[in-house]
Amino acid sequence: MSYRKPLIGLSLFLVISAVLTWMVFATLNRGIGGSTKEYSALFTDATGLKAGDDVRMAGVRVGRVDSVELSGVLADVSFKVEADQPVYGNTKASIVYQNIIGQRYLGLSLAEFGDPSTLSDGDQIPVERTEPSFDVTALLNGFEPLFSTLDPDEVDNVTNAIIVALQGDSGSITSLIAQTSALAESVAGRDEVLGAVITNLNGVVGNLAAQSGNVRTVIDQTSALLSTLASKKDSLTTSLDGIAAVTSQIAAVVSDVQPDLRELLTREPGFASHVVQNQDRFAYLGANLPLLLKGLARIMQDGTYMNMYFCDAYVSLLPVLHPLFPTIVALATPGGSPKYSAICR
């Protein structure tokens, strides 16, 4: 039995397997040929960046990320760059998306800050000269209110119609157009609501604009009133103290009078019954009370007492002679008729 053919086949299989294994290892290892220099950079966010990711300049791979570690509240990224690719003091380090599945790489580019001199091996790029990773989740969360207004079934129908159309089913074009129209109508309904809100707000703003003069007057008058009150603050404070004192005194007087007043009004037969039974007399008194008080005010205006004046009093010792001797009586009254004071006049 000859083992030549199986041996040749096994040898070819082992060689091909070794070559493929080396290719996979070389692809995954992504090592850097030649001498390298080590650097580090501080980021506020290094989400998605891992050890082994590329370091690129102008899109060309020039190095590899060695480690991503936490340094306080910042991310410390250590990386290697080919020795013939200098890194300067004005180099900006950015974490950039590499593809749609979320892989990232460390991008190095020149910026207008810092010292343009070349960095030494082991130097660190400060956080002020780095750009953190972009969080796609935060971006998609920002669209969440829009996505929540869409009907999931309609979105699925549109997606399925697109897939079928791309697969060559021309009959699905009609379905795609119909589903797109339904989705547009769903979005348009929200647009109409938003349009109505904007229209109503436009009316309100228009009315306010038409009354701008009145609104300005009200604001000016309110401002003047508040300014006046502010300037009279001390006087108002003093007045409030005085009002409080007077109110306290009135309260004390009312407290003292209240029992007697209540007894006057509630006892039977008493004041209340007398007023009810003699309404006509009290009505007459009420009608003439202002005149009575006016007269009393003229004779009591100097204080809480009554001043009485004798304005017109004649005393004649010769009443019999007056008709016979009027000239003598007139001469006895110098100046003619008597002159009254202001009160008597």
C-alpha atoms as a PDB file:
ATOM      1  CA  MET A   1       0.000   0.000   0.000  1.00  0.00           C
ATOM      2  CA  SER A   2       1.425   3.363  -1.001  1.00  0.00           C
ATOM      3  CA  TYR A   3       1.382   6.237   1.501  1.00  0.00           C
ATOM      4  CA  ARG A   4       2.742   8.770  -0.953  1.00  0.00           C
ATOM      5  CA  LYS A   5      -0.510  10.436  -1.995  1.00  0.00           C
ATOM      6  CA  PRO A   6      -1.962  10.727   1.563  1.00  0.00           C
ATOM      7  CA  LEU A   7       1.369  12.106   2.785  1.00  0.00           C
ATOM      8  CA  ILE A   8       1.449  14.695   0.021  1.00  0.00           C
ATOM      9  CA  GLY A   9      -2.138  15.691   0.766  1.00  0.00           C
ATOM     10  CA  LEU A  10      -1.444  15.973   4.532  1.00  0.00           C
ATOM     11  CA  SER A  11       1.652  18.070   3.861  1.00  0.00           C
ATOM     12  CA  LEU A  12      -0.252  20.475   1.625  1.00  0.00           C
ATOM     13  CA  PHE A  13      -3.028  20.737   4.258  1.00  0.00           C
ATOM     14  CA  LEU A  14      -0.513  21.532   7.009  1.00  0.00           C
ATOM     15  CA  VAL A  15       1.242  24.157   4.889  1.00  0.00           C
ATOM     16  CA  ILE A  16      -2.011  25.856   3.912  1.00  0.00           C
ATOM     17  CA  SER A  17      -3.225  25.785   7.547  1.00  0.00           C
ATOM     18  CA  ALA A  18       0.042  27.322   8.753  1.00  0.00           C
ATOM     19  CA  VAL A  19      -0.163  30.077   6.145  1.00  0.00           C
ATOM     20  CA  LEU A  20      -3.770  30.867   7.003  1.00  0.00           C
ATOM     21  CA  THR A  21      -2.976  30.821  10.734  1.00  0.00           C
ATOM     22  CA  TRP A  22      -0.115  33.240  10.205  1.00  0.00           C
ATOM     23  CA  MET A  23      -2.304  35.547   8.118  1.00  0.00           C
ATOM     24  CA  VAL A  24      -5.002  35.584  10.821  1.00  0.00           C
ATOM     25  CA  PHE A  25      -2.400  36.239  13.517  1.00  0.00           C
ATOM     26  CA  ALA A  26      -0.777  39.018  11.482  1.00  0.00           C
ATOM     27  CA  THR A  27      -4.160  40.583  10.828  1.00  0.00           C
ATOM     28  CA  LEU A  28      -5.238  40.480  14.466  1.00  0.00           C
ATOM     29  CA  ASN A  29      -1.861  41.413  15.896  1.00  0.00           C
ATOM     30  CA  ARG A  30      -1.486  44.566  13.802  1.00  0.00           C
ATOM     31  CA  GLY A  31       1.996  45.089  15.077  1.00  0.00           C
ATOM     32  CA  ILE A  32       4.262  47.997  14.157  1.00  0.00           C
ATOM     33  CA  GLY A  33       7.393  47.319  12.194  1.00  0.00           C
ATOM     34  CA  GLY A  34      10.598  49.069  13.161  1.00  0.00           C
ATOM     35  CA  SER A  35      11.402  51.266  16.157  1.00  0.00           C
ATOM     36  CA  THR A  36       8.659  53.170  17.962  1.00  0.00           C
ATOM     37  CA  LYS A  37       8.154  55.943  20.517  1.00  0.00           C
ATOM     38  CA  GLU A  38       5.690  55.821  23.390  1.00  0.00           C
ATOM     39  CA  TYR A  39       3.310  58.663  24.256  1.00  0.00           C
ATOM     40  CA  SER A  40       0.146  59.131  26.312  1.00  0.00           C
ATOM     41  CA  ALA A  41      -2.915  61.370  26.170  1.00  0.00           C
ATOM     42  CA  LEU A  42      -5.621  62.322  28.684  1.00  0.00           C
ATOM     43  CA  PHE A  43      -9.303  62.242  27.647  1.00  0.00           C
ATOM     44  CA  THR A  44     -12.513  63.147  29.435  1.00  0.00           C
ATOM     45  CA  ASP A  45     -14.206  60.214  27.678  1.00  0.00           C
ATOM     46  CA  ALA A  46     -12.559  57.257  25.915  1.00  0.00           C
ATOM     47  CA  THR A  47     -15.679  55.182  25.274  1.00  0.00           C
ATOM     48  CA  GLY A  48     -15.098  52.417  22.693  1.00  0.00           C
ATOM     49  CA  LEU A  49     -11.308  52.770  22.460  1.00  0.00           C
ATOM     50  CA  LYS A  50      -9.413  49.585  23.347  1.00  0.00           C
ATOM     51  CA  ALA A  51      -5.855  48.303  23.438  1.00  0.00           C
ATOM     52  CA  GLY A  52      -4.763  47.249  19.949  1.00  0.00           C
ATOM     53  CA  ASP A  53      -6.758  49.918  18.101  1.00  0.00           C
ATOM     54  CA  ASP A  54      -5.018  51.959  15.412  1.00  0.00           C
ATOM     55  CA  VAL A  55      -3.235  55.284  15.801  1.00  0.00           C
ATOM     56  CA  ARG A  56      -3.597  57.267  12.588  1.00  0.00           C
ATOM     57  CA  MET A  57      -2.273  60.472  11.075  1.00  0.00           C
ATOM     58  CA  ALA A  58      -4.270  61.855   8.151  1.00  0.00           C
ATOM     59  CA  GLY A  59      -6.010  58.465   7.938  1.00  0.00           C
ATOM     60  CA  VAL A  60      -2.748  56.490   7.653  1.00  0.00           C
ATOM     61  CA  ARG A  61      -1.985  53.905  10.352  1.00  0.00           C
ATOM     62  CA  VAL A  62       1.244  54.929  12.149  1.00  0.00           C
ATOM     63  CA  GLY A  63       0.864  53.266  15.540  1.00  0.00           C
ATOM     64  CA  ARG A  64      -1.171  51.252  18.018  1.00  0.00           C
ATOM     65  CA  VAL A  65      -2.970  51.838  21.305  1.00  0.00           C
ATOM     66  CA  ASP A  66      -1.263  49.958  24.152  1.00  0.00           C
ATOM     67  CA  SER A  67      -3.620  50.566  27.070  1.00  0.00           C
ATOM     68  CA  VAL A  68      -6.619  52.585  28.280  1.00  0.00           C
ATOM     69  CA  GLU A  69      -6.584  53.200  32.028  1.00  0.00           C
ATOM     70  CA  LEU A  70      -8.392  55.423  34.501  1.00  0.00           C
ATOM     71  CA  SER A  71      -6.372  58.289  35.972  1.00  0.00           C
ATOM     72  CA  GLY A  72      -8.531  60.094  38.529  1.00  0.00           C
ATOM     73  CA  VAL A  73     -11.593  61.281  36.606  1.00  0.00           C
ATOM     74  CA  LEU A  74      -9.802  61.138  33.228  1.00  0.00           C
ATOM     75  CA  ALA A  75      -8.897  58.335  30.814  1.00  0.00           C
ATOM     76  CA  ASP A  76      -5.142  57.848  30.304  1.00  0.00           C
ATOM     77  CA  VAL A  77      -4.476  56.367  26.843  1.00  0.00           C
ATOM     78  CA  SER A  78      -0.950  55.030  26.182  1.00  0.00           C
ATOM     79  CA  PHE A  79       0.049  54.465  22.562  1.00  0.00           C
ATOM     80  CA  LYS A  80       3.053  53.820  20.334  1.00  0.00           C
ATOM     81  CA  VAL A  81       3.955  55.684  17.137  1.00  0.00           C
ATOM     82  CA  GLU A  82       6.569  54.863  14.541  1.00  0.00           C
ATOM     83  CA  ALA A  83       9.825  56.648  15.355  1.00  0.00           C
ATOM     84  CA  ASP A  84       9.984  58.375  11.982  1.00  0.00           C
ATOM     85  CA  GLN A  85       6.564  60.019  12.560  1.00  0.00           C
ATOM     86  CA  PRO A  86       7.134  62.997  14.921  1.00  0.00           C
ATOM     87  CA  VAL A  87       4.467  64.169  17.389  1.00  0.00           C
ATOM     88  CA  TYR A  88       4.482  67.902  18.111  1.00  0.00           C
ATOM     89  CA  GLY A  89       3.394  70.063  21.011  1.00  0.00           C
ATOM     90  CA  ASN A  90       0.478  71.399  18.936  1.00  0.00           C
ATOM     91  CA  THR A  91      -0.762  67.907  18.016  1.00  0.00           C
ATOM     92  CA  LYS A  92      -4.412  67.230  18.892  1.00  0.00           C
ATOM     93  CA  ALA A  93      -5.437  63.686  19.829  1.00  0.00           C
ATOM     94  CA  SER A  94      -9.009  62.650  18.952  1.00  0.00           C
ATOM     95  CA  ILE A  95     -10.999  59.443  19.335  1.00  0.00           C
ATOM     96  CA  VAL A  96     -12.639  58.900  15.945  1.00  0.00           C
ATOM     97  CA  TYR A  97     -15.222  56.393  14.679  1.00  0.00           C
ATOM     98  CA  GLN A  98     -13.638  53.856  12.349  1.00  0.00           C
ATOM     99  CA  ASN A  99     -16.736  52.066  11.084  1.00  0.00           C
ATOM    100  CA  ILE A 100     -20.461  51.660  11.645  1.00  0.00           C
ATOM    101  CA  ILE A 101     -20.096  48.768  14.110  1.00  0.00           C
ATOM    102  CA  GLY A 102     -18.472  51.077  16.654  1.00  0.00           C
ATOM    103  CA  GLN A 103     -14.748  50.500  16.259  1.00  0.00           C
ATOM    104  CA  ARG A 104     -12.633  53.546  16.974  1.00  0.00           C
ATOM    105  CA  TYR A 105      -9.076  54.691  16.412  1.00  0.00           C
ATOM    106  CA  LEU A 106      -6.840  57.387  17.894  1.00  0.00           C
ATOM    107  CA  GLY A 107      -6.370  60.216  15.400  1.00  0.00           C
ATOM    108  CA  LEU A 108      -3.449  62.669  15.579  1.00  0.00           C
ATOM    109  CA  SER A 109      -3.653  66.009  13.786  1.00  0.00           C
ATOM    110  CA  LEU A 110      -2.062  69.440  14.008  1.00  0.00           C
ATOM    111  CA  ALA A 111      -3.965  72.317  15.633  1.00  0.00           C
ATOM    112  CA  GLU A 112      -3.416  75.980  16.398  1.00  0.00           C
ATOM    113  CA  PHE A 113      -2.356  75.770  20.040  1.00  0.00           C
ATOM    114  CA  GLY A 114       0.605  74.766  22.122  1.00  0.00           C
ATOM    115  CA  ASP A 115       4.312  74.697  21.362  1.00  0.00           C
ATOM    116  CA  PRO A 116       5.044  73.386  17.830  1.00  0.00           C
ATOM    117  CA  SER A 117       8.288  71.772  19.018  1.00  0.00           C
ATOM    118  CA  THR A 118       8.629  67.975  18.806  1.00  0.00           C
ATOM    119  CA  LEU A 119       7.556  65.901  21.822  1.00  0.00           C
ATOM    120  CA  SER A 120      10.055  63.554  23.422  1.00  0.00           C
ATOM    121  CA  ASP A 121       9.591  59.850  23.971  1.00  0.00           C
ATOM    122  CA  GLY A 122       7.254  59.347  26.976  1.00  0.00           C
ATOM    123  CA  ASP A 123       5.634  62.825  26.877  1.00  0.00           C
ATOM    124  CA  GLN A 124       1.915  63.268  27.530  1.00  0.00           C
ATOM    125  CA  ILE A 125      -0.708  65.247  25.585  1.00  0.00           C
ATOM    126  CA  PRO A 126      -2.814  67.185  28.149  1.00  0.00           C
ATOM    127  CA  VAL A 127      -6.609  66.986  28.253  1.00  0.00           C
ATOM    128  CA  GLU A 128      -6.876  70.553  26.870  1.00  0.00           C
ATOM    129  CA  ARG A 129      -5.437  69.268  23.565  1.00  0.00           C
ATOM    130  CA  THR A 130      -7.617  66.166  23.178  1.00  0.00           C
ATOM    131  CA  GLU A 131     -11.112  65.550  21.804  1.00  0.00           C
ATOM    132  CA  PRO A 132     -13.148  62.869  23.638  1.00  0.00           C
ATOM    133  CA  SER A 133     -15.099  60.001  22.124  1.00  0.00           C
ATOM    134  CA  PHE A 134     -18.472  60.744  20.544  1.00  0.00           C
ATOM    135  CA  ASP A 135     -21.379  58.891  22.155  1.00  0.00           C
ATOM    136  CA  VAL A 136     -23.810  57.697  19.474  1.00  0.00           C
ATOM    137  CA  THR A 137     -26.229  56.554  22.172  1.00  0.00           C
ATOM    138  CA  ALA A 138     -26.647  60.129  23.379  1.00  0.00           C
ATOM    139  CA  LEU A 139     -27.319  61.224  19.781  1.00  0.00           C
ATOM    140  CA  LEU A 140     -29.956  58.541  19.246  1.00  0.00           C
ATOM    141  CA  ASN A 141     -31.548  59.342  22.614  1.00  0.00           C
ATOM    142  CA  GLY A 142     -31.940  62.903  21.381  1.00  0.00           C
ATOM    143  CA  PHE A 143     -34.125  61.586  18.528  1.00  0.00           C
ATOM    144  CA  GLU A 144     -36.239  59.511  20.908  1.00  0.00           C
ATOM    145  CA  PRO A 145     -39.156  62.050  21.015  1.00  0.00           C
ATOM    146  CA  LEU A 146     -39.339  61.879  17.199  1.00  0.00           C
ATOM    147  CA  PHE A 147     -39.161  58.086  17.113  1.00  0.00           C
ATOM    148  CA  SER A 148     -41.863  57.819  19.796  1.00  0.00           C
ATOM    149  CA  THR A 149     -44.362  59.643  17.537  1.00  0.00           C
ATOM    150  CA  LEU A 150     -43.892  57.141  14.674  1.00  0.00           C
ATOM    151  CA  ASP A 151     -46.004  54.015  14.383  1.00  0.00           C
ATOM    152  CA  PRO A 152     -43.638  50.994  14.679  1.00  0.00           C
ATOM    153  CA  ASP A 153     -45.840  48.902  12.367  1.00  0.00           C
ATOM    154  CA  GLU A 154     -45.714  51.549   9.641  1.00  0.00           C
ATOM    155  CA  VAL A 155     -41.926  51.888   9.980  1.00  0.00           C
ATOM    156  CA  ASP A 156     -41.548  48.077   9.746  1.00  0.00           C
ATOM    157  CA  ASN A 157     -43.762  47.966   6.679  1.00  0.00           C
ATOM    158  CA  VAL A 158     -41.682  50.655   4.958  1.00  0.00           C
ATOM    159  CA  THR A 159     -38.447  48.805   5.823  1.00  0.00           C
ATOM    160  CA  ASN A 160     -39.759  45.483   4.525  1.00  0.00           C
ATOM    161  CA  ALA A 161     -40.978  47.107   1.316  1.00  0.00           C
ATOM    162  CA  ILE A 162     -37.550  48.664   0.715  1.00  0.00           C
ATOM    163  CA  ILE A 163     -35.798  45.318   1.247  1.00  0.00           C
ATOM    164  CA  VAL A 164     -38.127  43.495  -1.113  1.00  0.00           C
ATOM    165  CA  ALA A 165     -37.766  46.239  -3.725  1.00  0.00           C
ATOM    166  CA  LEU A 166     -33.970  46.038  -3.534  1.00  0.00           C
ATOM    167  CA  GLN A 167     -34.212  42.268  -4.008  1.00  0.00           C
ATOM    168  CA  GLY A 168     -35.769  42.833  -7.440  1.00  0.00           C
ATOM    169  CA  ASP A 169     -39.505  42.495  -6.736  1.00  0.00           C
ATOM    170  CA  SER A 170     -40.938  45.296  -8.897  1.00  0.00           C
ATOM    171  CA  GLY A 171     -44.427  44.660  -7.567  1.00  0.00           C
ATOM    172  CA  SER A 172     -43.352  45.819  -4.134  1.00  0.00           C
ATOM    173  CA  ILE A 173     -42.725  49.357  -5.428  1.00  0.00           C
ATOM    174  CA  THR A 174     -46.447  50.076  -5.161  1.00  0.00           C
ATOM    175  CA  SER A 175     -46.491  48.785  -1.603  1.00  0.00           C
ATOM    176  CA  LEU A 176     -43.414  50.882  -0.804  1.00  0.00           C
ATOM    177  CA  ILE A 177     -45.102  54.034  -2.106  1.00  0.00           C
ATOM    178  CA  ALA A 178     -48.283  53.289  -0.150  1.00  0.00           C
ATOM    179  CA  GLN A 179     -46.418  52.650   3.103  1.00  0.00           C
ATOM    180  CA  THR A 180     -44.310  55.774   2.631  1.00  0.00           C
ATOM    181  CA  SER A 181     -47.499  57.797   2.078  1.00  0.00           C
ATOM    182  CA  ALA A 182     -49.044  56.391   5.278  1.00  0.00           C
ATOM    183  CA  LEU A 183     -45.908  57.223   7.238  1.00  0.00           C
ATOM    184  CA  ALA A 184     -45.881  60.755   5.803  1.00  0.00           C
ATOM    185  CA  GLU A 185     -49.527  61.207   6.796  1.00  0.00           C
ATOM    186  CA  SER A 186     -48.690  60.081  10.336  1.00  0.00           C
ATOM    187  CA  VAL A 187     -45.916  62.669  10.580  1.00  0.00           C
ATOM    188  CA  ALA A 188     -48.104  65.311   8.882  1.00  0.00           C
ATOM    189  CA  GLY A 189     -50.733  64.921  11.623  1.00  0.00           C
ATOM    190  CA  ARG A 190     -48.173  66.125  14.182  1.00  0.00           C
ATOM    191  CA  ASP A 191     -47.200  68.883  11.788  1.00  0.00           C
ATOM    192  CA  GLU A 192     -50.802  70.136  11.681  1.00  0.00           C
ATOM    193  CA  VAL A 193     -50.953  70.249  15.482  1.00  0.00           C
ATOM    194  CA  LEU A 194     -47.684  72.174  15.571  1.00  0.00           C
ATOM    195  CA  GLY A 195     -49.001  74.535  12.889  1.00  0.00           C
ATOM    196  CA  ALA A 196     -52.168  75.196  14.921  1.00  0.00           C
ATOM    197  CA  VAL A 197     -50.081  75.966  17.999  1.00  0.00           C
ATOM    198  CA  ILE A 198     -47.898  78.371  16.019  1.00  0.00           C
ATOM    199  CA  THR A 199     -51.005  80.058  14.543  1.00  0.00           C
ATOM    200  CA  ASN A 200     -52.550  80.538  17.984  1.00  0.00           C
ATOM    201  CA  LEU A 201     -49.296  81.910  19.368  1.00  0.00           C
ATOM    202  CA  ASN A 202     -49.132  84.292  16.414  1.00  0.00           C
ATOM    203  CA  GLY A 203     -52.597  85.627  17.306  1.00  0.00           C
ATOM    204  CA  VAL A 204     -51.649  86.120  20.941  1.00  0.00           C
ATOM    205  CA  VAL A 205     -48.439  87.915  20.000  1.00  0.00           C
ATOM    206  CA  GLY A 206     -50.368  90.075  17.508  1.00  0.00           C
ATOM    207  CA  ASN A 207     -52.854  91.146  20.191  1.00  0.00           C
ATOM    208  CA  LEU A 208     -50.034  91.980  22.576  1.00  0.00           C
ATOM    209  CA  ALA A 209     -48.324  94.006  19.856  1.00  0.00           C
ATOM    210  CA  ALA A 210     -51.547  95.945  19.185  1.00  0.00           C
ATOM    211  CA  GLN A 211     -51.799  96.806  22.880  1.00  0.00           C
ATOM    212  CA  SER A 212     -48.131  97.642  23.255  1.00  0.00           C
ATOM    213  CA  GLY A 213     -48.891 101.285  24.073  1.00  0.00           C
ATOM    214  CA  ASN A 214     -51.311 100.364  26.850  1.00  0.00           C
ATOM    215  CA  VAL A 215     -48.974  97.725  28.191  1.00  0.00           C
ATOM    216  CA  ARG A 216     -46.122 100.235  28.195  1.00  0.00           C
ATOM    217  CA  THR A 217     -48.321 102.772  30.036  1.00  0.00           C
ATOM    218  CA  VAL A 218     -49.281 100.201  32.662  1.00  0.00           C
ATOM    219  CA  ILE A 219     -45.646  99.238  33.137  1.00  0.00           C
ATOM    220  CA  ASP A 220     -44.562 102.896  33.425  1.00  0.00           C
ATOM    221  CA  GLN A 221     -47.314 103.717  35.921  1.00  0.00           C
ATOM    222  CA  THR A 222     -46.547 100.616  37.950  1.00  0.00           C
ATOM    223  CA  SER A 223     -42.874 101.534  37.950  1.00  0.00           C
ATOM    224  CA  ALA A 224     -43.686 105.102  39.085  1.00  0.00           C
ATOM    225  CA  LEU A 225     -45.948 103.780  41.858  1.00  0.00           C
ATOM    226  CA  LEU A 226     -43.301 101.386  43.100  1.00  0.00           C
ATOM    227  CA  SER A 227     -40.662 104.112  42.945  1.00  0.00           C
ATOM    228  CA  THR A 228     -42.880 106.458  44.985  1.00  0.00           C
ATOM    229  CA  LEU A 229     -43.567 103.768  47.544  1.00  0.00           C
ATOM    230  CA  ALA A 230     -39.848 103.033  47.747  1.00  0.00           C
ATOM    231  CA  SER A 231     -39.049 106.720  48.349  1.00  0.00           C
ATOM    232  CA  LYS A 232     -41.724 106.881  51.079  1.00  0.00           C
ATOM    233  CA  LYS A 233     -40.600 103.670  52.722  1.00  0.00           C
ATOM    234  CA  ASP A 234     -39.463 105.307  55.955  1.00  0.00           C
ATOM    235  CA  SER A 235     -42.667 107.354  56.256  1.00  0.00           C
ATOM    236  CA  LEU A 236     -44.809 104.301  55.587  1.00  0.00           C
ATOM    237  CA  THR A 237     -42.908 102.320  58.176  1.00  0.00           C
ATOM    238  CA  THR A 238     -43.403 105.088  60.770  1.00  0.00           C
ATOM    239  CA  SER A 239     -47.090 105.365  59.836  1.00  0.00           C
ATOM    240  CA  LEU A 240     -47.539 101.638  60.236  1.00  0.00           C
ATOM    241  CA  ASP A 241     -46.096 101.863  63.725  1.00  0.00           C
ATOM    242  CA  GLY A 242     -48.536 104.670  64.553  1.00  0.00           C
ATOM    243  CA  ILE A 243     -51.465 102.800  63.008  1.00  0.00           C
ATOM    244  CA  ALA A 244     -50.539  99.741  65.015  1.00  0.00           C
ATOM    245  CA  ALA A 245     -50.525 101.810  68.227  1.00  0.00           C
ATOM    246  CA  VAL A 246     -53.904 103.399  67.399  1.00  0.00           C
ATOM    247  CA  THR A 247     -55.374 100.022  66.507  1.00  0.00           C
ATOM    248  CA  SER A 248     -54.190  98.622  69.801  1.00  0.00           C
ATOM    249  CA  GLN A 249     -55.838 101.516  71.675  1.00  0.00           C
ATOM    250  CA  ILE A 250     -59.090 101.105  69.720  1.00  0.00           C
ATOM    251  CA  ALA A 251     -59.035  97.397  70.474  1.00  0.00           C
ATOM    252  CA  ALA A 252     -58.602  98.146  74.171  1.00  0.00           C
ATOM    253  CA  VAL A 253     -61.497 100.663  74.119  1.00  0.00           C
ATOM    254  CA  VAL A 254     -63.767  98.257  72.257  1.00  0.00           C
ATOM    255  CA  SER A 255     -62.872  95.498  74.684  1.00  0.00           C
ATOM    256  CA  ASP A 256     -63.859  97.748  77.594  1.00  0.00           C
ATOM    257  CA  VAL A 257     -67.109  98.987  75.991  1.00  0.00           C
ATOM    258  CA  GLN A 258     -68.217  95.693  74.454  1.00  0.00           C
ATOM    259  CA  PRO A 259     -69.820  94.154  77.585  1.00  0.00           C
ATOM    260  CA  ASP A 260     -71.876  97.260  78.352  1.00  0.00           C
ATOM    261  CA  LEU A 261     -72.842  97.750  74.713  1.00  0.00           C
ATOM    262  CA  ARG A 262     -73.934  94.142  74.417  1.00  0.00           C
ATOM    263  CA  GLU A 263     -75.987  94.452  77.574  1.00  0.00           C
ATOM    264  CA  LEU A 264     -77.632  97.637  76.208  1.00  0.00           C
ATOM    265  CA  LEU A 265     -78.602  95.937  72.960  1.00  0.00           C
ATOM    266  CA  THR A 266     -79.679  92.562  74.298  1.00  0.00           C
ATOM    267  CA  ARG A 267     -81.517  93.286  77.513  1.00  0.00           C
ATOM    268  CA  GLU A 268     -85.370  93.158  77.449  1.00  0.00           C
ATOM    269  CA  PRO A 269     -87.038  95.551  77.396  1.00  0.00           C
ATOM    270  CA  GLY A 270     -84.067  97.642  76.348  1.00  0.00           C
ATOM    271  CA  PHE A 271     -82.645 100.019  73.794  1.00  0.00           C
ATOM    272  CA  ALA A 272     -83.220  97.787  70.765  1.00  0.00           C
ATOM    273  CA  SER A 273     -86.880  97.192  71.608  1.00  0.00           C
ATOM    274  CA  HIS A 274     -87.411 100.909  72.215  1.00  0.00           C
ATOM    275  CA  VAL A 275     -85.926 101.780  68.786  1.00  0.00           C
ATOM    276  CA  VAL A 276     -88.118  99.196  67.022  1.00  0.00           C
ATOM    277  CA  GLN A 277     -91.284 100.376  68.766  1.00  0.00           C
ATOM    278  CA  ASN A 278     -90.615 104.089  68.073  1.00  0.00           C
ATOM    279  CA  GLN A 279     -89.285 104.045  64.507  1.00  0.00           C
ATOM    280  CA  ASP A 280     -91.164 107.219  63.467  1.00  0.00           C
ATOM    281  CA  ARG A 281     -89.678 109.318  66.273  1.00  0.00           C
ATOM    282  CA  PHE A 282     -86.173 108.073  65.641  1.00  0.00           C
ATOM    283  CA  ALA A 283     -86.638 108.760  61.929  1.00  0.00           C
ATOM    284  CA  TYR A 284     -87.496 112.387  62.739  1.00  0.00           C
ATOM    285  CA  LEU A 285     -84.463 112.583  65.024  1.00  0.00           C
ATOM    286  CA  GLY A 286     -82.247 111.100  62.339  1.00  0.00           C
ATOM    287  CA  ALA A 287     -83.440 113.602  59.732  1.00  0.00           C
ATOM    288  CA  ASN A 288     -82.719 116.596  62.012  1.00  0.00           C
ATOM    289  CA  LEU A 289     -79.593 115.176  63.635  1.00  0.00           C
ATOM    290  CA  PRO A 290     -77.166 116.646  61.017  1.00  0.00           C
ATOM    291  CA  LEU A 291     -78.489 120.179  61.645  1.00  0.00           C
ATOM    292  CA  LEU A 292     -78.222 119.674  65.391  1.00  0.00           C
ATOM    293  CA  LEU A 293     -74.622 118.403  65.084  1.00  0.00           C
ATOM    294  CA  LYS A 294     -73.765 121.322  62.788  1.00  0.00           C
ATOM    295  CA  GLY A 295     -74.961 123.782  65.401  1.00  0.00           C
ATOM    296  CA  LEU A 296     -73.113 122.005  68.145  1.00  0.00           C
ATOM    297  CA  ALA A 297     -69.922 122.003  66.022  1.00  0.00           C
ATOM    298  CA  ARG A 298     -70.019 125.833  65.814  1.00  0.00           C
ATOM    299  CA  ILE A 299     -70.069 126.234  69.575  1.00  0.00           C
ATOM    300  CA  MET A 300     -67.784 123.286  70.401  1.00  0.00           C
ATOM    301  CA  GLN A 301     -65.064 123.649  67.765  1.00  0.00           C
ATOM    302  CA  ASP A 302     -62.389 124.869  70.163  1.00  0.00           C
ATOM    303  CA  GLY A 303     -62.254 121.660  72.194  1.00  0.00           C
ATOM    304  CA  THR A 304     -64.213 118.976  73.973  1.00  0.00           C
ATOM    305  CA  TYR A 305     -66.270 121.569  75.856  1.00  0.00           C
ATOM    306  CA  MET A 306     -69.127 123.940  75.072  1.00  0.00           C
ATOM    307  CA  ASN A 307     -68.498 127.647  74.448  1.00  0.00           C
ATOM    308  CA  MET A 308     -71.530 129.896  74.734  1.00  0.00           C
ATOM    309  CA  TYR A 309     -71.632 133.499  73.517  1.00  0.00           C
ATOM    310  CA  PHE A 310     -74.166 136.217  74.344  1.00  0.00           C
ATOM    311  CA  CYS A 311     -74.389 137.926  70.993  1.00  0.00           C
ATOM    312  CA  ASP A 312     -77.516 140.113  71.309  1.00  0.00           C
ATOM    313  CA  ALA A 313     -78.630 141.240  74.799  1.00  0.00           C
ATOM    314  CA  TYR A 314     -80.174 144.668  75.462  1.00  0.00           C
ATOM    315  CA  VAL A 315     -80.775 146.007  78.948  1.00  0.00           C
ATOM    316  CA  SER A 316     -82.600 149.330  79.212  1.00  0.00           C
ATOM    317  CA  LEU A 317     -82.948 151.130  82.481  1.00  0.00           C
ATOM    318  CA  LEU A 318     -85.381 153.610  80.933  1.00  0.00           C
ATOM    319  CA  PRO A 319     -87.760 151.547  78.827  1.00  0.00           C
ATOM    320  CA  VAL A 320     -90.397 154.202  79.193  1.00  0.00           C
ATOM    321  CA  LEU A 321     -88.096 156.968  77.951  1.00  0.00           C
ATOM    322  CA  HIS A 322     -87.081 155.178  74.789  1.00  0.00           C
ATOM    323  CA  PRO A 323     -90.190 156.035  72.829  1.00  0.00           C
ATOM    324  CA  LEU A 324     -90.053 159.581  74.076  1.00  0.00           C
ATOM    325  CA  PHE A 325     -86.306 160.174  73.790  1.00  0.00           C
ATOM    326  CA  PRO A 326     -84.913 158.025  70.986  1.00  0.00           C
ATOM    327  CA  THR A 327     -82.081 160.445  70.412  1.00  0.00           C
ATOM    328  CA  ILE A 328     -80.810 159.972  73.963  1.00  0.00           C
ATOM    329  CA  VAL A 329     -80.844 156.158  73.545  1.00  0.00           C
ATOM    330  CA  ALA A 330     -78.991 156.402  70.242  1.00  0.00           C
ATOM    331  CA  LEU A 331     -76.334 158.597  71.796  1.00  0.00           C
ATOM    332  CA  ALA A 332     -75.964 156.016  74.572  1.00  0.00           C
ATOM    333  CA  THR A 333     -74.925 153.434  71.899  1.00  0.00           C
ATOM    334  CA  PRO A 334     -71.721 154.773  70.296  1.00  0.00           C
ATOM    335  CA  GLY A 335     -71.209 153.728  66.683  1.00  0.00           C
ATOM    336  CA  GLY A 336     -74.817 152.914  66.034  1.00  0.00           C
ATOM    337  CA  SER A 337     -75.838 149.211  65.801  1.00  0.00           C
ATOM    338  CA  PRO A 338     -73.708 146.739  67.796  1.00  0.00           C
ATOM    339  CA  LYS A 339     -70.885 144.870  66.001  1.00  0.00           C
ATOM    340  CA  TYR A 340     -70.947 141.078  66.392  1.00  0.00           C
ATOM    341  CA  SER A 341     -67.989 138.681  66.428  1.00  0.00           C
ATOM    342  CA  ALA A 342     -67.410 136.175  63.601  1.00  0.00           C
ATOM    343  CA  ILE A 343     -69.239 133.401  65.432  1.00  0.00           C
ATOM    344  CA  CYS A 344     -72.306 135.548  66.094  1.00  0.00           C
ATOM    345  CA  ARG A 345     -72.327 136.803  62.510  1.00  0.00           C
END
